[in-house]
């Protein structure tokens, strides 16, 4: 995702709440969202998660207890989190963070549908391309 849409709200505050595993973001339009780390991780904008085109998305599982171990600014339009499972390649624009916050209920429902369609549990271990269970992706 590119930078900001013209006139889009920008973050005024970003707070990492490690114990409750949420990223709290306050925006210039007055909206404040508490975005669970798990939601951020399963909807990472990285190619590793999104693939390189429609239909290539990789369903993420086993991320319920993922923690945020780092959060770096990217210019003045995004942040790049590092997660406890080793994933650190997603760049989250302000637009994406706003969307994750504003559409949490819909995104969780979509995730649950995808899990059901795949016949897997939210807490299932991820399987790597070689067919082995892995906890690092």
Protein backbone atom coordinates (compact mmCIF):
# COMPACT_ATOMS: atom_id res chain seq x y z
CA UNK A 1 0.00 0.00 0.00
CA UNK A 2 1.31 3.43 -0.88
CA UNK A 3 1.38 6.39 1.48
CA UNK A 4 -1.54 8.45 2.63
CA UNK A 5 -4.69 9.18 0.72
CA UNK A 6 -5.20 12.94 0.38
CA UNK A 7 -6.98 14.27 3.47
CA UNK A 8 -6.67 10.95 5.33
CA UNK A 9 -6.39 11.08 9.13
CA UNK A 10 -2.87 10.84 10.50
CA UNK A 11 -1.75 9.33 13.81
CA UNK A 12 -1.43 11.69 16.74
CA UNK A 13 -0.38 8.97 19.18
CA UNK A 14 0.81 5.37 19.01
CA UNK A 15 1.06 3.26 22.15
CA UNK A 16 2.17 -0.36 22.38
CA UNK A 17 0.30 -2.23 25.13
CA UNK A 18 2.41 -5.36 25.56
CA UNK A 19 0.39 -7.05 28.29
CA UNK A 20 -2.94 -6.79 26.44
CA UNK A 21 -1.20 -7.23 23.05
CA UNK A 22 -2.78 -4.25 21.30
CA UNK A 23 -1.47 -1.25 19.41
CA UNK A 24 -3.45 1.85 20.36
CA UNK A 25 -3.50 4.50 17.65
CA UNK A 26 -5.13 7.91 18.01
CA UNK A 27 -5.87 9.73 14.75
CA UNK A 28 -6.27 13.40 13.80
CA UNK A 29 -10.01 12.96 13.20
CA UNK A 30 -10.52 11.98 16.86
CA UNK A 31 -10.78 8.23 16.23
CA UNK A 32 -8.78 5.94 18.52
CA UNK A 33 -8.37 2.25 17.80
CA UNK A 34 -6.96 -0.62 19.84
CA UNK A 35 -5.68 -3.04 17.20
CA UNK A 36 -4.76 -6.53 18.44
CA UNK A 37 -1.27 -7.68 17.46
CA UNK A 38 -2.83 -10.90 16.14
CA UNK A 39 -5.06 -8.94 13.74
CA UNK A 40 -2.07 -6.91 12.55
CA UNK A 41 -0.05 -10.08 12.01
CA UNK A 42 -2.71 -12.06 10.11
CA UNK A 43 -3.40 -9.08 7.83
CA UNK A 44 0.24 -8.10 7.34
CA UNK A 45 0.69 -6.24 4.05
CA UNK A 46 3.89 -8.18 3.32
CA UNK A 47 4.23 -10.35 0.24
CA UNK A 48 4.89 -13.29 2.58
CA UNK A 49 1.26 -13.00 3.76
CA UNK A 50 -0.50 -11.30 0.85
CA UNK A 51 1.30 -13.12 -1.95
CA UNK A 52 2.12 -11.40 -5.21
CA UNK A 53 -1.42 -11.18 -6.56
CA UNK A 54 -5.07 -11.97 -5.92
CA UNK A 55 -5.67 -15.49 -4.68
CA UNK A 56 -2.09 -15.93 -3.47
CA UNK A 57 -2.76 -14.91 0.14
CA UNK A 58 -1.31 -17.23 2.80
CA UNK A 59 -3.75 -17.98 5.63
CA UNK A 60 -2.01 -17.20 8.91
CA UNK A 61 -2.66 -19.40 11.95
CA UNK A 62 -1.14 -19.79 15.39
CA UNK A 63 -0.80 -16.04 15.90
CA UNK A 64 -3.10 -15.56 18.94
CA UNK A 65 -0.17 -14.98 21.33
CA UNK A 66 2.13 -13.09 18.95
CA UNK A 67 3.82 -10.09 20.53
CA UNK A 68 5.16 -6.88 19.10
CA UNK A 69 8.90 -6.79 19.80
CA UNK A 70 9.75 -3.71 17.77
CA UNK A 71 8.09 -0.81 15.98
CA UNK A 72 10.09 1.42 13.64
CA UNK A 73 8.91 4.51 11.74
CA UNK A 74 9.02 4.41 7.94
CA UNK A 75 9.30 7.97 6.71
CA UNK A 76 6.31 9.94 7.93
CA UNK A 77 3.69 7.65 6.40
CA UNK A 78 4.01 4.24 8.10
CA UNK A 79 5.49 1.96 10.74
CA UNK A 80 7.22 -1.40 10.41
CA UNK A 81 6.53 -3.76 13.31
CA UNK A 82 8.64 -6.75 14.30
CA UNK A 83 6.65 -9.64 15.75
CA UNK A 84 7.77 -12.31 18.20
CA UNK A 85 7.36 -15.02 15.53
CA UNK A 86 10.14 -13.41 13.47
CA UNK A 87 7.88 -11.66 10.95
CA UNK A 88 9.15 -8.13 10.31
CA UNK A 89 8.62 -7.35 6.62
CA UNK A 90 5.19 -5.68 6.64
CA UNK A 91 5.00 -1.89 6.31
CA UNK A 92 1.77 -0.55 7.81
CA UNK A 93 0.77 2.80 6.33
CA UNK A 94 -1.40 5.15 8.37
CA UNK A 95 -4.26 4.29 5.97
CA UNK A 96 -3.85 0.57 6.67
CA UNK A 97 -3.73 1.07 10.45
CA UNK A 98 -6.89 3.15 10.24
CA UNK A 99 -8.59 0.47 8.14
CA UNK A 100 -7.52 -2.32 10.53
CA UNK A 101 -8.92 -0.32 13.43
CA UNK A 102 -12.16 0.80 11.81
CA UNK A 103 -13.00 -2.56 10.22
CA UNK A 104 -11.93 -4.94 13.01
CA UNK A 105 -15.29 -6.73 13.29
CA UNK A 106 -15.50 -7.34 9.53
CA UNK A 107 -11.86 -8.43 9.31
CA UNK A 108 -12.27 -10.93 12.18
CA UNK A 109 -15.41 -12.34 10.51
CA UNK A 110 -13.57 -12.65 7.19
CA UNK A 111 -10.67 -14.41 8.94
CA UNK A 112 -13.02 -16.85 10.67
CA UNK A 113 -14.67 -17.64 7.31
CA UNK A 114 -11.29 -18.30 5.71
CA UNK A 115 -10.31 -20.59 8.61
CA UNK A 116 -13.57 -22.52 8.29
CA UNK A 117 -13.19 -22.85 4.50
CA UNK A 118 -9.65 -24.17 4.98
CA UNK A 119 -10.77 -26.53 7.75
CA UNK A 120 -8.13 -25.23 10.17
CA UNK A 121 -8.19 -23.81 13.66
CA UNK A 122 -7.04 -20.30 14.55
CA UNK A 123 -4.37 -21.80 16.81
CA UNK A 124 -3.08 -24.40 14.32
CA UNK A 125 0.64 -24.38 13.64
CA UNK A 126 1.67 -22.91 10.30
CA UNK A 127 3.01 -25.45 7.79
CA UNK A 128 6.01 -24.36 5.75
CA UNK A 129 6.47 -25.11 2.04
CA UNK A 130 8.38 -28.28 2.90
CA UNK A 131 5.39 -29.62 4.84
CA UNK A 132 6.89 -29.09 8.29
CA UNK A 133 5.20 -27.27 11.15
CA UNK A 134 6.85 -23.97 11.90
CA UNK A 135 6.38 -21.25 14.46
CA UNK A 136 8.56 -18.60 12.89
CA UNK A 137 6.23 -17.54 10.08
